Amino acid sequence: MSDRWKKIQNIIGATCAAIVLVIGSVMVVHPAISELAGLAVAQTSTLWNNVRDAAAGDNLSNGIFATGLYLFNGTAFDRARGDTTNGLDVDVTRMPGSGQTPADGFANPTTFSGVWNLNGIFNGLTWDRVRSASGANNTATTSLGAQYMVPLSTWNIIDTDVGATQSTATRAAGGGTVRHVATTVTICRGDTAAAAPALIHLRDGATGAGTILRSWIIGVAAGLSRCEQIAGLNITGSANTAMTIEFAAAGAATSTSTVSLSGYSTP
């Protein structure tokens, strides 16, 4: 009886030893797992967390696989950044063509992915911005983007005098930065007697005082009348300054004189 009991004890001891070895091996491989059931992920070398599924909701801080949440930075993997307002944060500052400031001489792009919607004009080599009719552009010595906007409104001044009276017409100053632009000049002279050719001035300023911008001469034979119209001009005056068209002097007592000026004003 004692021999048989010893054999049973040996069998039980061996079985227990085997169980201890198995459990020991599991604990060696996963020393921090307190449960053999379920799936866990390592937070540190000594701390493991149970894996959670989508039913756990938002604002989780552990138990999440680090898959699909990491981005490669060229050397290692970093967590993808985001916020509660916009979600995933995306860097768009280095996209081709973004963040460019429009300027003249803009090189013909090869990687531009933006939208050029500022009316750029191709000059055969580079792109320029379209110019509008302004004092600075009208007086510029270059013609970059020289596609001017059609004037929305025009004005006209006229004066006619008979006898020995100087014919002069003035467009008053527009105030502020307003500049007058002359587009058409009309001059007429008639005389019952022979007269010397007469000088006409376009002035940047008041009669007899403003800077002379352009001059013309008109002559007429005795007993005849003559008119000349000079169109297609684009002569710009100074800011907040009157513009005058006038004969340089009064005609003879037997003469009739007319001056007319058409134009527009820029802001």
C-alpha atoms as a PDB file:
ATOM      1  CA  MET A   1       0.000   0.000   0.000  1.00  0.00           C
ATOM      2  CA  SER A   2       2.839   2.360   0.825  1.00  0.00           C
ATOM      3  CA  ASP A   3       4.564   1.716  -2.541  1.00  0.00           C
ATOM      4  CA  ARG A   4       1.394   2.466  -4.452  1.00  0.00           C
ATOM      5  CA  TRP A   5       0.847   5.661  -2.486  1.00  0.00           C
ATOM      6  CA  LYS A   6       4.388   6.719  -3.174  1.00  0.00           C
ATOM      7  CA  LYS A   7       3.832   6.266  -6.918  1.00  0.00           C
ATOM      8  CA  ILE A   8       0.680   8.369  -6.744  1.00  0.00           C
ATOM      9  CA  GLN A   9       2.557  11.047  -4.846  1.00  0.00           C
ATOM     10  CA  ASN A  10       5.321  11.017  -7.461  1.00  0.00           C
ATOM     11  CA  ILE A  11       2.790  11.424 -10.276  1.00  0.00           C
ATOM     12  CA  ILE A  12       1.036  14.285  -8.486  1.00  0.00           C
ATOM     13  CA  GLY A  13       4.365  15.955  -7.767  1.00  0.00           C
ATOM     14  CA  ALA A  14       5.484  15.689 -11.372  1.00  0.00           C
ATOM     15  CA  THR A  15       2.181  17.091 -12.599  1.00  0.00           C
ATOM     16  CA  CYS A  16       2.384  20.029 -10.206  1.00  0.00           C
ATOM     17  CA  ALA A  17       5.971  20.668 -11.246  1.00  0.00           C
ATOM     18  CA  ALA A  18       4.943  20.753 -14.896  1.00  0.00           C
ATOM     19  CA  ILE A  19       2.123  23.183 -14.154  1.00  0.00           C
ATOM     20  CA  VAL A  20       4.493  25.406 -12.201  1.00  0.00           C
ATOM     21  CA  LEU A  21       6.980  25.374 -15.086  1.00  0.00           C
ATOM     22  CA  VAL A  22       4.289  26.363 -17.609  1.00  0.00           C
ATOM     23  CA  ILE A  23       3.000  29.204 -15.433  1.00  0.00           C
ATOM     24  CA  GLY A  24       6.549  30.292 -14.740  1.00  0.00           C
ATOM     25  CA  SER A  25       7.396  30.438 -18.428  1.00  0.00           C
ATOM     26  CA  VAL A  26       4.315  32.582 -19.089  1.00  0.00           C
ATOM     27  CA  MET A  27       5.232  34.946 -16.281  1.00  0.00           C
ATOM     28  CA  VAL A  28       8.820  35.216 -17.596  1.00  0.00           C
ATOM     29  CA  VAL A  29       7.611  36.221 -21.080  1.00  0.00           C
ATOM     30  CA  HIS A  30       4.895  38.587 -19.743  1.00  0.00           C
ATOM     31  CA  PRO A  31       6.026  39.529 -16.240  1.00  0.00           C
ATOM     32  CA  ALA A  32       3.539  42.413 -15.908  1.00  0.00           C
ATOM     33  CA  ILE A  33       0.353  40.655 -17.105  1.00  0.00           C
ATOM     34  CA  SER A  34      -1.918  39.893 -14.214  1.00  0.00           C
ATOM     35  CA  GLU A  35      -4.482  38.064 -16.387  1.00  0.00           C
ATOM     36  CA  LEU A  36      -3.960  35.335 -18.907  1.00  0.00           C
ATOM     37  CA  ALA A  37      -7.336  36.048 -20.533  1.00  0.00           C
ATOM     38  CA  GLY A  38      -7.866  38.949 -22.983  1.00  0.00           C
ATOM     39  CA  LEU A  39      -5.340  41.072 -24.949  1.00  0.00           C
ATOM     40  CA  ALA A  40      -2.959  43.645 -23.488  1.00  0.00           C
ATOM     41  CA  VAL A  41      -0.570  46.306 -24.836  1.00  0.00           C
ATOM     42  CA  ALA A  42       2.599  47.554 -23.177  1.00  0.00           C
ATOM     43  CA  GLN A  43       2.592  51.147 -21.928  1.00  0.00           C
ATOM     44  CA  THR A  44       6.050  50.754 -20.350  1.00  0.00           C
ATOM     45  CA  SER A  45       8.423  47.861 -19.793  1.00  0.00           C
ATOM     46  CA  THR A  46       6.589  47.043 -16.564  1.00  0.00           C
ATOM     47  CA  LEU A  47       3.044  48.312 -17.204  1.00  0.00           C
ATOM     48  CA  TRP A  48       0.477  46.643 -19.466  1.00  0.00           C
ATOM     49  CA  ASN A  49      -3.058  47.871 -20.294  1.00  0.00           C
ATOM     50  CA  ASN A  50      -6.056  45.933 -21.541  1.00  0.00           C
ATOM     51  CA  VAL A  51      -6.889  46.665 -25.190  1.00  0.00           C
ATOM     52  CA  ARG A  52     -10.129  48.644 -25.670  1.00  0.00           C
ATOM     53  CA  ASP A  53     -12.480  48.590 -28.629  1.00  0.00           C
ATOM     54  CA  ALA A  54     -14.383  51.472 -30.272  1.00  0.00           C
ATOM     55  CA  ALA A  55     -17.243  51.155 -27.799  1.00  0.00           C
ATOM     56  CA  ALA A  56     -15.025  52.714 -25.154  1.00  0.00           C
ATOM     57  CA  GLY A  57     -15.647  56.147 -26.769  1.00  0.00           C
ATOM     58  CA  ASP A  58     -13.389  59.243 -26.931  1.00  0.00           C
ATOM     59  CA  ASN A  59     -10.784  60.750 -24.622  1.00  0.00           C
ATOM     60  CA  LEU A  60      -8.880  57.473 -24.171  1.00  0.00           C
ATOM     61  CA  SER A  61      -5.402  57.613 -22.684  1.00  0.00           C
ATOM     62  CA  ASN A  62      -4.380  53.936 -22.665  1.00  0.00           C
ATOM     63  CA  GLY A  63      -5.186  50.514 -24.055  1.00  0.00           C
ATOM     64  CA  ILE A  64      -4.917  51.730 -27.680  1.00  0.00           C
ATOM     65  CA  PHE A  65      -2.750  50.070 -30.323  1.00  0.00           C
ATOM     66  CA  ALA A  66      -0.097  52.443 -31.775  1.00  0.00           C
ATOM     67  CA  THR A  67      -1.173  51.624 -35.337  1.00  0.00           C
ATOM     68  CA  GLY A  68      -2.618  54.227 -37.700  1.00  0.00           C
ATOM     69  CA  LEU A  69      -1.919  56.971 -35.161  1.00  0.00           C
ATOM     70  CA  TYR A  70       1.759  57.444 -35.966  1.00  0.00           C
ATOM     71  CA  LEU A  71       3.469  59.314 -38.841  1.00  0.00           C
ATOM     72  CA  PHE A  72       6.998  58.747 -40.105  1.00  0.00           C
ATOM     73  CA  ASN A  73       9.161  61.875 -39.775  1.00  0.00           C
ATOM     74  CA  GLY A  74      11.964  60.556 -41.963  1.00  0.00           C
ATOM     75  CA  THR A  75      13.835  58.908 -39.140  1.00  0.00           C
ATOM     76  CA  ALA A  76      11.342  57.663 -36.555  1.00  0.00           C
ATOM     77  CA  PHE A  77       7.596  57.513 -35.909  1.00  0.00           C
ATOM     78  CA  ASP A  78       5.766  60.299 -34.048  1.00  0.00           C
ATOM     79  CA  ARG A  79       2.191  60.479 -32.848  1.00  0.00           C
ATOM     80  CA  ALA A  80      -0.171  62.219 -35.274  1.00  0.00           C
ATOM     81  CA  ARG A  81      -1.206  65.628 -33.888  1.00  0.00           C
ATOM     82  CA  GLY A  82      -4.744  66.970 -33.684  1.00  0.00           C
ATOM     83  CA  ASP A  83      -7.115  69.038 -31.573  1.00  0.00           C
ATOM     84  CA  THR A  84     -10.731  68.921 -30.457  1.00  0.00           C
ATOM     85  CA  THR A  85     -11.723  71.806 -32.780  1.00  0.00           C
ATOM     86  CA  ASN A  86     -10.232  70.804 -36.135  1.00  0.00           C
ATOM     87  CA  GLY A  87      -9.332  67.144 -35.690  1.00  0.00           C
ATOM     88  CA  LEU A  88      -6.158  66.048 -37.477  1.00  0.00           C
ATOM     89  CA  ASP A  89      -3.582  68.844 -37.837  1.00  0.00           C
ATOM     90  CA  VAL A  90      -2.097  69.018 -41.345  1.00  0.00           C
ATOM     91  CA  ASP A  91       0.920  71.152 -42.342  1.00  0.00           C
ATOM     92  CA  VAL A  92       0.075  72.983 -45.582  1.00  0.00           C
ATOM     93  CA  THR A  93       2.776  75.651 -45.378  1.00  0.00           C
ATOM     94  CA  ARG A  94       5.090  73.776 -47.710  1.00  0.00           C
ATOM     95  CA  MET A  95       2.590  72.924 -50.442  1.00  0.00           C
ATOM     96  CA  PRO A  96       3.854  73.974 -53.911  1.00  0.00           C
ATOM     97  CA  GLY A  97       2.699  77.458 -54.859  1.00  0.00           C
ATOM     98  CA  SER A  98       1.180  78.386 -51.503  1.00  0.00           C
ATOM     99  CA  GLY A  99       2.028  81.500 -49.525  1.00  0.00           C
ATOM    100  CA  GLN A 100       3.268  83.466 -52.552  1.00  0.00           C
ATOM    101  CA  THR A 101       2.858  87.249 -52.678  1.00  0.00           C
ATOM    102  CA  PRO A 102       1.818  88.612 -56.107  1.00  0.00           C
ATOM    103  CA  ALA A 103       4.453  90.886 -57.647  1.00  0.00           C
ATOM    104  CA  ASP A 104       5.624  92.135 -61.041  1.00  0.00           C
ATOM    105  CA  GLY A 105       8.140  90.035 -62.948  1.00  0.00           C
ATOM    106  CA  PHE A 106       6.552  86.864 -61.520  1.00  0.00           C
ATOM    107  CA  ALA A 107       8.452  83.991 -63.176  1.00  0.00           C
ATOM    108  CA  ASN A 108       6.471  81.554 -65.314  1.00  0.00           C
ATOM    109  CA  PRO A 109       5.673  78.848 -62.691  1.00  0.00           C
ATOM    110  CA  THR A 110       6.385  75.143 -63.080  1.00  0.00           C
ATOM    111  CA  THR A 111       5.015  73.852 -59.748  1.00  0.00           C
ATOM    112  CA  PHE A 112       2.344  76.452 -58.984  1.00  0.00           C
ATOM    113  CA  SER A 113      -0.821  74.870 -57.561  1.00  0.00           C
ATOM    114  CA  GLY A 114      -2.561  78.077 -56.430  1.00  0.00           C
ATOM    115  CA  VAL A 115      -5.028  80.217 -58.350  1.00  0.00           C
ATOM    116  CA  TRP A 116      -3.684  83.338 -60.071  1.00  0.00           C
ATOM    117  CA  ASN A 117      -6.802  85.461 -59.984  1.00  0.00           C
ATOM    118  CA  LEU A 118      -5.324  88.965 -59.911  1.00  0.00           C
ATOM    119  CA  ASN A 119      -5.491  89.593 -63.678  1.00  0.00           C
ATOM    120  CA  GLY A 120      -1.873  88.858 -64.473  1.00  0.00           C
ATOM    121  CA  ILE A 121      -0.725  89.728 -68.017  1.00  0.00           C
ATOM    122  CA  PHE A 122       2.027  87.761 -69.737  1.00  0.00           C
ATOM    123  CA  ASN A 123       4.652  90.093 -71.216  1.00  0.00           C
ATOM    124  CA  GLY A 124       6.354  87.367 -73.247  1.00  0.00           C
ATOM    125  CA  LEU A 125       8.734  86.332 -70.487  1.00  0.00           C
ATOM    126  CA  THR A 126       7.146  86.904 -67.058  1.00  0.00           C
ATOM    127  CA  TRP A 127       3.784  87.900 -65.561  1.00  0.00           C
ATOM    128  CA  ASP A 128       2.813  91.444 -64.527  1.00  0.00           C
ATOM    129  CA  ARG A 129      -0.162  92.759 -62.604  1.00  0.00           C
ATOM    130  CA  VAL A 130      -2.763  94.700 -64.611  1.00  0.00           C
ATOM    131  CA  ARG A 131      -2.559  98.475 -64.070  1.00  0.00           C
ATOM    132  CA  SER A 132      -5.556 100.742 -63.648  1.00  0.00           C
ATOM    133  CA  ALA A 133      -5.704 104.380 -64.667  1.00  0.00           C
ATOM    134  CA  SER A 134      -4.067 106.265 -61.802  1.00  0.00           C
ATOM    135  CA  GLY A 135      -1.814 109.236 -61.453  1.00  0.00           C
ATOM    136  CA  ALA A 136       1.212 107.114 -60.629  1.00  0.00           C
ATOM    137  CA  ASN A 137       0.642 104.779 -63.576  1.00  0.00           C
ATOM    138  CA  ASN A 138      -0.072 107.579 -66.051  1.00  0.00           C
ATOM    139  CA  THR A 139       3.146 109.371 -65.140  1.00  0.00           C
ATOM    140  CA  ALA A 140       5.286 106.223 -64.966  1.00  0.00           C
ATOM    141  CA  THR A 141       8.166 105.942 -67.435  1.00  0.00           C
ATOM    142  CA  THR A 142       7.550 102.220 -67.967  1.00  0.00           C
ATOM    143  CA  SER A 143       4.517 100.387 -69.300  1.00  0.00           C
ATOM    144  CA  LEU A 144       4.258  97.348 -67.022  1.00  0.00           C
ATOM    145  CA  GLY A 145       0.741  95.944 -67.113  1.00  0.00           C
ATOM    146  CA  ALA A 146      -0.343  98.786 -69.401  1.00  0.00           C
ATOM    147  CA  GLN A 147      -3.914  97.588 -69.804  1.00  0.00           C
ATOM    148  CA  TYR A 148      -5.771 100.545 -68.366  1.00  0.00           C
ATOM    149  CA  MET A 149      -9.347 100.441 -67.218  1.00  0.00           C
ATOM    150  CA  VAL A 150     -11.775 102.407 -69.377  1.00  0.00           C
ATOM    151  CA  PRO A 151     -12.696 105.687 -67.607  1.00  0.00           C
ATOM    152  CA  LEU A 152     -16.174 105.456 -66.119  1.00  0.00           C
ATOM    153  CA  SER A 153     -16.952 109.164 -66.526  1.00  0.00           C
ATOM    154  CA  THR A 154     -15.518 112.159 -68.386  1.00  0.00           C
ATOM    155  CA  TRP A 155     -15.790 115.930 -68.178  1.00  0.00           C
ATOM    156  CA  ASN A 156     -15.573 118.760 -70.706  1.00  0.00           C
ATOM    157  CA  ILE A 157     -14.823 122.476 -70.378  1.00  0.00           C
ATOM    158  CA  ILE A 158     -15.188 125.130 -73.106  1.00  0.00           C
ATOM    159  CA  ASP A 159     -14.772 128.873 -73.562  1.00  0.00           C
ATOM    160  CA  THR A 160     -15.491 131.162 -76.513  1.00  0.00           C
ATOM    161  CA  ASP A 161     -14.484 134.821 -76.686  1.00  0.00           C
ATOM    162  CA  VAL A 162     -14.989 137.526 -79.314  1.00  0.00           C
ATOM    163  CA  GLY A 163     -12.601 140.399 -79.830  1.00  0.00           C
ATOM    164  CA  ALA A 164      -9.455 141.195 -77.882  1.00  0.00           C
ATOM    165  CA  THR A 165     -10.149 138.824 -75.000  1.00  0.00           C
ATOM    166  CA  GLN A 166      -8.030 135.808 -74.086  1.00  0.00           C
ATOM    167  CA  SER A 167      -9.948 132.511 -74.444  1.00  0.00           C
ATOM    168  CA  THR A 168      -9.262 130.249 -71.430  1.00  0.00           C
ATOM    169  CA  ALA A 169     -11.068 127.379 -69.671  1.00  0.00           C
ATOM    170  CA  THR A 170     -10.098 125.756 -66.360  1.00  0.00           C
ATOM    171  CA  ARG A 171     -11.088 122.498 -64.672  1.00  0.00           C
ATOM    172  CA  ALA A 172     -10.945 123.170 -60.920  1.00  0.00           C
ATOM    173  CA  ALA A 173      -8.767 121.029 -58.642  1.00  0.00           C
ATOM    174  CA  GLY A 174     -10.443 117.819 -57.515  1.00  0.00           C
ATOM    175  CA  GLY A 175      -9.098 117.829 -53.954  1.00  0.00           C
ATOM    176  CA  GLY A 176      -7.090 115.180 -52.105  1.00  0.00           C
ATOM    177  CA  THR A 177      -5.108 112.977 -54.473  1.00  0.00           C
ATOM    178  CA  VAL A 178      -7.392 113.526 -57.499  1.00  0.00           C
ATOM    179  CA  ARG A 179      -5.528 114.153 -60.764  1.00  0.00           C
ATOM    180  CA  HIS A 180      -7.024 115.437 -64.012  1.00  0.00           C
ATOM    181  CA  VAL A 181      -6.164 113.642 -67.243  1.00  0.00           C
ATOM    182  CA  ALA A 182      -6.548 115.456 -70.594  1.00  0.00           C
ATOM    183  CA  THR A 183      -7.745 113.267 -73.470  1.00  0.00           C
ATOM    184  CA  THR A 184      -8.972 115.691 -76.178  1.00  0.00           C
ATOM    185  CA  VAL A 185      -8.182 119.322 -76.988  1.00  0.00           C
ATOM    186  CA  THR A 186     -10.134 121.469 -79.482  1.00  0.00           C
ATOM    187  CA  ILE A 187      -8.982 124.942 -80.575  1.00  0.00           C
ATOM    188  CA  CYS A 188     -10.672 127.319 -83.023  1.00  0.00           C
ATOM    189  CA  ARG A 189      -9.734 130.771 -84.377  1.00  0.00           C
ATOM    190  CA  GLY A 190     -11.505 133.013 -86.863  1.00  0.00           C
ATOM    191  CA  ASP A 191     -10.569 136.539 -88.001  1.00  0.00           C
ATOM    192  CA  THR A 192     -11.834 139.045 -90.523  1.00  0.00           C
ATOM    193  CA  ALA A 193      -8.302 140.370 -90.946  1.00  0.00           C
ATOM    194  CA  ALA A 194      -4.943 138.715 -91.428  1.00  0.00           C
ATOM    195  CA  ALA A 195      -3.404 137.664 -88.085  1.00  0.00           C
ATOM    196  CA  ALA A 196      -0.199 136.075 -86.856  1.00  0.00           C
ATOM    197  CA  PRO A 197      -0.304 132.394 -85.746  1.00  0.00           C
ATOM    198  CA  ALA A 198      -1.561 131.989 -82.165  1.00  0.00           C
ATOM    199  CA  LEU A 199      -0.058 129.850 -79.384  1.00  0.00           C
ATOM    200  CA  ILE A 200      -2.240 127.580 -77.197  1.00  0.00           C
ATOM    201  CA  HIS A 201      -1.129 126.037 -73.863  1.00  0.00           C
ATOM    202  CA  LEU A 202      -2.362 123.102 -71.779  1.00  0.00           C
ATOM    203  CA  ARG A 203      -1.407 124.011 -68.211  1.00  0.00           C
ATOM    204  CA  ASP A 204      -1.069 121.973 -65.007  1.00  0.00           C
ATOM    205  CA  GLY A 205      -2.637 124.635 -62.850  1.00  0.00           C
ATOM    206  CA  ALA A 206      -4.447 127.948 -63.127  1.00  0.00           C
ATOM    207  CA  THR A 207      -4.559 130.246 -66.144  1.00  0.00           C
ATOM    208  CA  GLY A 208      -1.273 132.020 -66.853  1.00  0.00           C
ATOM    209  CA  ALA A 209       0.478 130.298 -63.923  1.00  0.00           C
ATOM    210  CA  GLY A 210       0.385 126.498 -64.136  1.00  0.00           C
ATOM    211  CA  THR A 211       3.213 124.450 -65.636  1.00  0.00           C
ATOM    212  CA  ILE A 212       2.821 124.085 -69.411  1.00  0.00           C
ATOM    213  CA  LEU A 213       2.201 120.412 -70.234  1.00  0.00           C
ATOM    214  CA  ARG A 214       1.712 120.775 -73.994  1.00  0.00           C
ATOM    215  CA  SER A 215       1.511 123.587 -76.577  1.00  0.00           C
ATOM    216  CA  TRP A 216       0.046 123.985 -80.097  1.00  0.00           C
ATOM    217  CA  ILE A 217      -0.042 126.712 -82.755  1.00  0.00           C
ATOM    218  CA  ILE A 218      -2.940 127.685 -85.010  1.00  0.00           C
ATOM    219  CA  GLY A 219      -2.972 130.210 -87.808  1.00  0.00           C
ATOM    220  CA  VAL A 220      -5.814 131.543 -89.951  1.00  0.00           C
ATOM    221  CA  ALA A 221      -6.056 133.640 -93.134  1.00  0.00           C
ATOM    222  CA  ALA A 222      -8.128 136.823 -93.308  1.00  0.00           C
ATOM    223  CA  GLY A 223     -11.842 136.222 -93.477  1.00  0.00           C
ATOM    224  CA  LEU A 224     -11.580 132.515 -92.562  1.00  0.00           C
ATOM    225  CA  SER A 225     -12.132 130.303 -89.522  1.00  0.00           C
ATOM    226  CA  ARG A 226     -10.261 127.138 -88.560  1.00  0.00           C
ATOM    227  CA  CYS A 227     -10.664 124.400 -85.900  1.00  0.00           C
ATOM    228  CA  GLU A 228      -8.241 121.676 -84.850  1.00  0.00           C
ATOM    229  CA  GLN A 229      -9.040 118.709 -82.613  1.00  0.00           C
ATOM    230  CA  ILE A 230      -6.224 116.734 -80.965  1.00  0.00           C
ATOM    231  CA  ALA A 231      -7.594 113.439 -79.634  1.00  0.00           C
ATOM    232  CA  GLY A 232      -6.068 110.286 -78.141  1.00  0.00           C
ATOM    233  CA  LEU A 233      -4.170 112.179 -75.431  1.00  0.00           C
ATOM    234  CA  ASN A 234      -3.519 110.873 -71.939  1.00  0.00           C
ATOM    235  CA  ILE A 235      -1.801 113.799 -70.249  1.00  0.00           C
ATOM    236  CA  THR A 236      -1.938 113.649 -66.442  1.00  0.00           C
ATOM    237  CA  GLY A 237      -1.765 116.655 -64.144  1.00  0.00           C
ATOM    238  CA  SER A 238      -0.631 116.912 -60.535  1.00  0.00           C
ATOM    239  CA  ALA A 239      -2.680 115.826 -57.528  1.00  0.00           C
ATOM    240  CA  ASN A 240      -5.272 118.339 -56.294  1.00  0.00           C
ATOM    241  CA  THR A 241      -4.345 120.770 -59.093  1.00  0.00           C
ATOM    242  CA  ALA A 242      -6.481 122.567 -61.666  1.00  0.00           C
ATOM    243  CA  MET A 243      -6.001 122.000 -65.415  1.00  0.00           C
ATOM    244  CA  THR A 244      -6.300 124.804 -67.966  1.00  0.00           C
ATOM    245  CA  ILE A 245      -6.526 125.064 -71.754  1.00  0.00           C
ATOM    246  CA  GLU A 246      -6.002 128.598 -73.136  1.00  0.00           C
ATOM    247  CA  PHE A 247      -4.691 130.845 -75.834  1.00  0.00           C
ATOM    248  CA  ALA A 248      -1.399 132.360 -74.673  1.00  0.00           C
ATOM    249  CA  ALA A 249      -2.728 135.855 -75.397  1.00  0.00           C
ATOM    250  CA  ALA A 250      -5.859 137.687 -76.476  1.00  0.00           C
ATOM    251  CA  GLY A 251      -6.682 137.796 -80.175  1.00  0.00           C
ATOM    252  CA  ALA A 252      -7.237 140.835 -82.310  1.00  0.00           C
ATOM    253  CA  ALA A 253     -10.372 142.928 -81.984  1.00  0.00           C
ATOM    254  CA  THR A 254     -11.604 141.290 -85.192  1.00  0.00           C
ATOM    255  CA  SER A 255     -11.060 137.699 -83.970  1.00  0.00           C
ATOM    256  CA  THR A 256     -13.156 134.946 -82.394  1.00  0.00           C
ATOM    257  CA  SER A 257     -11.470 132.222 -80.304  1.00  0.00           C
ATOM    258  CA  THR A 258     -12.651 128.949 -78.770  1.00  0.00           C
ATOM    259  CA  VAL A 259     -10.855 126.412 -76.544  1.00  0.00           C
ATOM    260  CA  SER A 260     -12.257 123.096 -75.337  1.00  0.00           C
ATOM    261  CA  LEU A 261     -10.779 120.374 -73.142  1.00  0.00           C
ATOM    262  CA  SER A 262     -12.150 116.885 -72.422  1.00  0.00           C
ATOM    263  CA  GLY A 263     -10.771 114.406 -69.926  1.00  0.00           C
ATOM    264  CA  TYR A 264     -11.344 112.343 -66.790  1.00  0.00           C
ATOM    265  CA  SER A 265     -10.062 112.337 -63.247  1.00  0.00           C
ATOM    266  CA  THR A 266      -8.331 109.606 -61.264  1.00  0.00           C
ATOM    267  CA  PRO A 267      -8.824 109.089 -57.515  1.00  0.00           C
END
